[in-house]
Protein backbone atom coordinates (compact mmCIF):
# COMPACT_ATOMS: atom_id res chain seq x y z
CA MET A 1 4.63 -33.66 -5.80
CA ASP A 2 3.99 -31.59 -2.70
CA ILE A 3 6.09 -31.17 0.44
CA LYS A 4 4.27 -33.97 2.32
CA ASP A 5 5.05 -36.44 -0.48
CA ILE A 6 8.72 -35.39 -0.42
CA GLN A 7 8.89 -35.78 3.37
CA ASN A 8 7.31 -39.23 3.15
CA LEU A 9 9.75 -40.24 0.41
CA ILE A 10 12.71 -39.10 2.55
CA LYS A 11 11.42 -41.10 5.54
CA PHE A 12 10.92 -44.15 3.36
CA VAL A 13 14.44 -43.89 1.90
CA SER A 14 16.03 -43.52 5.34
CA LYS A 15 14.17 -46.59 6.66
CA ALA A 16 15.01 -48.66 3.58
CA GLU A 17 18.74 -48.08 4.20
CA VAL A 18 19.61 -47.37 0.58
CA SER A 19 22.32 -44.93 -0.39
CA GLU A 20 20.56 -43.10 -3.22
CA VAL A 21 17.11 -42.76 -4.78
CA LYS A 22 16.19 -40.76 -7.89
CA TYR A 23 12.59 -39.85 -8.69
CA LYS A 24 11.84 -38.13 -11.97
CA THR A 25 8.65 -36.99 -13.71
CA LYS A 26 8.04 -34.76 -16.73
CA ASP A 27 8.58 -31.51 -14.83
CA PHE A 28 10.08 -32.57 -11.49
CA GLU A 29 13.21 -34.42 -10.42
CA ILE A 30 14.53 -35.21 -6.95
CA THR A 31 17.59 -37.14 -5.81
CA ILE A 32 17.88 -38.31 -2.21
CA LYS A 33 21.22 -39.53 -0.93
CA THR A 34 21.65 -40.97 2.53
CA PRO A 35 24.89 -41.37 4.47
CA LEU A 36 25.98 -45.01 4.59
CA ALA A 37 29.18 -46.42 6.06
CA GLY A 38 30.46 -43.09 7.37
CA SER A 39 30.03 -41.05 4.17
CA ASP A 40 29.06 -37.39 4.32
CA ALA A 41 25.39 -36.44 4.32
CA VAL A 42 23.97 -34.96 1.13
CA TYR A 43 20.52 -33.44 1.25
CA ALA A 44 17.75 -33.57 -1.32
CA GLN A 45 17.89 -30.87 -3.97
CA PRO A 46 14.74 -30.81 -6.07
CA ALA A 47 15.08 -29.54 -9.62
CA VAL A 48 12.07 -27.96 -11.27
CA TYR A 49 11.95 -27.69 -15.05
CA HIS A 50 9.98 -25.00 -16.83
CA THR A 51 9.07 -25.16 -20.48
CA ALA A 52 9.73 -22.12 -22.63
CA PRO A 53 6.80 -20.42 -24.31
CA GLN A 54 6.22 -21.73 -27.85
CA ALA A 55 5.31 -18.46 -29.55
CA ALA A 56 7.53 -15.43 -29.13
CA ALA A 57 6.04 -11.95 -29.16
CA PRO A 58 7.17 -9.65 -31.99
CA VAL A 59 10.03 -7.37 -31.01
CA GLN A 60 9.78 -3.66 -31.69
CA THR A 61 13.06 -2.30 -33.01
CA ALA A 62 12.10 1.36 -33.45
CA ALA A 63 12.32 3.43 -30.28
CA PRO A 64 11.68 7.17 -30.04
CA ALA A 65 14.90 9.17 -29.71
CA ALA A 66 13.34 11.70 -27.32
CA ALA A 67 12.72 9.11 -24.57
CA PRO A 68 16.34 8.96 -23.27
CA ALA A 69 16.51 12.77 -23.11
CA GLU A 70 13.24 12.93 -21.14
CA LYS A 71 14.50 10.26 -18.72
CA ALA A 72 17.76 12.18 -18.20
CA GLU A 73 15.84 15.40 -17.44
CA ALA A 74 13.56 13.58 -14.98
CA ALA A 75 16.56 12.00 -13.23
CA SER A 76 18.27 15.36 -12.81
CA ASP A 77 15.02 16.91 -11.45
CA ASP A 78 14.58 14.03 -8.97
CA SER A 79 18.08 14.50 -7.54
CA LYS A 80 16.95 17.44 -5.39
CA TYR A 81 14.26 15.33 -3.73
CA VAL A 82 14.60 13.01 -0.74
CA VAL A 83 13.24 9.48 -1.06
CA ILE A 84 11.18 7.77 1.65
CA LYS A 85 12.01 4.06 1.29
CA SER A 86 10.28 0.94 2.51
CA PRO A 87 11.89 -0.42 5.70
CA MET A 88 10.47 -3.91 5.06
CA ILE A 89 8.94 -6.35 2.61
CA GLY A 90 5.15 -6.35 2.53
CA THR A 91 2.05 -4.83 0.95
CA PHE A 92 1.87 -1.05 0.63
CA TYR A 93 -1.35 0.72 1.62
CA ARG A 94 -2.04 4.45 1.38
CA LYS A 95 -5.02 4.24 3.80
CA PRO A 96 -5.30 2.95 7.38
CA SER A 97 -8.43 1.01 6.30
CA PRO A 98 -10.54 0.81 3.12
CA ASP A 99 -13.19 3.24 4.42
CA LYS A 100 -10.71 5.91 5.60
CA ASP A 101 -8.90 8.70 3.72
CA VAL A 102 -5.33 8.33 2.45
CA PHE A 103 -2.50 9.34 4.78
CA VAL A 104 -0.88 11.75 2.28
CA ASN A 105 -1.45 13.05 -1.25
CA VAL A 106 0.87 14.73 -3.73
CA GLY A 107 1.34 18.32 -2.55
CA ASP A 108 0.76 17.56 1.16
CA GLU A 109 3.24 18.83 3.73
CA VAL A 110 4.80 16.18 5.97
CA SER A 111 6.89 16.52 9.09
CA VAL A 112 9.21 14.14 10.85
CA GLY A 113 7.16 11.39 12.50
CA LYS A 114 4.00 11.88 10.39
CA VAL A 115 2.53 8.57 9.15
CA VAL A 116 2.73 8.44 5.35
CA CYS A 117 1.54 4.86 4.68
CA VAL A 118 1.05 1.38 6.12
CA ILE A 119 2.94 -1.78 5.12
CA GLU A 120 1.33 -5.11 5.91
CA ALA A 121 3.79 -7.89 6.69
CA MET A 122 2.57 -11.25 7.98
CA LYS A 123 -0.88 -9.89 8.95
CA LEU A 124 0.68 -7.02 10.92
CA PHE A 125 0.03 -3.46 9.75
CA ASN A 126 3.16 -1.34 10.29
CA GLN A 127 2.83 2.44 10.14
CA ILE A 128 5.64 4.08 8.19
CA ASP A 129 6.64 7.52 9.45
CA SER A 130 8.31 10.27 7.47
CA GLU A 131 11.95 10.77 8.37
CA ILE A 132 12.03 14.21 6.75
CA SER A 133 9.96 17.38 6.67
CA GLY A 134 8.84 18.69 3.31
CA LYS A 135 6.26 18.41 0.56
CA ILE A 136 5.19 15.14 -1.11
CA VAL A 137 6.15 15.50 -4.78
CA LYS A 138 5.41 12.01 -6.07
CA ILE A 139 3.95 8.72 -4.84
CA LEU A 140 6.03 5.96 -6.45
CA VAL A 141 3.94 2.89 -5.50
CA ASP A 142 0.32 2.02 -6.27
CA ASP A 143 -2.02 1.27 -3.38
CA ALA A 144 -2.28 -2.41 -2.30
CA THR A 145 0.83 -3.53 -4.19
CA PRO A 146 3.79 -5.54 -2.88
CA VAL A 147 6.97 -3.67 -1.99
CA GLU A 148 10.52 -4.83 -1.37
CA TYR A 149 12.98 -3.78 1.34
CA ASP A 150 14.53 -0.38 0.53
CA GLN A 151 12.12 0.25 -2.37
CA PRO A 152 11.39 3.97 -2.93
CA LEU A 153 7.84 4.89 -1.86
CA PHE A 154 7.64 8.69 -1.94
CA LEU A 155 9.64 11.66 -3.25
CA VAL A 156 9.75 14.57 -0.82
CA ASP A 157 10.89 18.12 -1.58
CA PRO A 158 12.68 19.18 1.63
CA SER A 159 12.76 22.91 0.73
């Protein structure tokens, strides 16, 4: 059932002057309640059911003991770096266009105000400027991938 069908159902229920209608299929259920005789309005709340996968993947129980130590060392090394974070939700691009060169690479020097990437949000390409001077140590996001608000994009060594 798509949004148009739901809207039509709501219009039909309001014209029919009934207090409640329930519509249920295998993987969709909707209840529409209308205010009658001065009762409070309750709005439709669709419930979507998802079936669980039938076959479960085998679980690995053995994990290498060195992995936590390596992660701890990496975390302590990263603490001296400054993170450039995404100021918005969108799609991360390292280039201004597909036929151009990337804005920055690992090892490049950046200064305050230098464009380091572009984030596309709602068909608008927003240039993201560096807020710190230093050297790009690591690029944390792959090109043309979605990013969230405040997601780390780059590690910069300010020294």
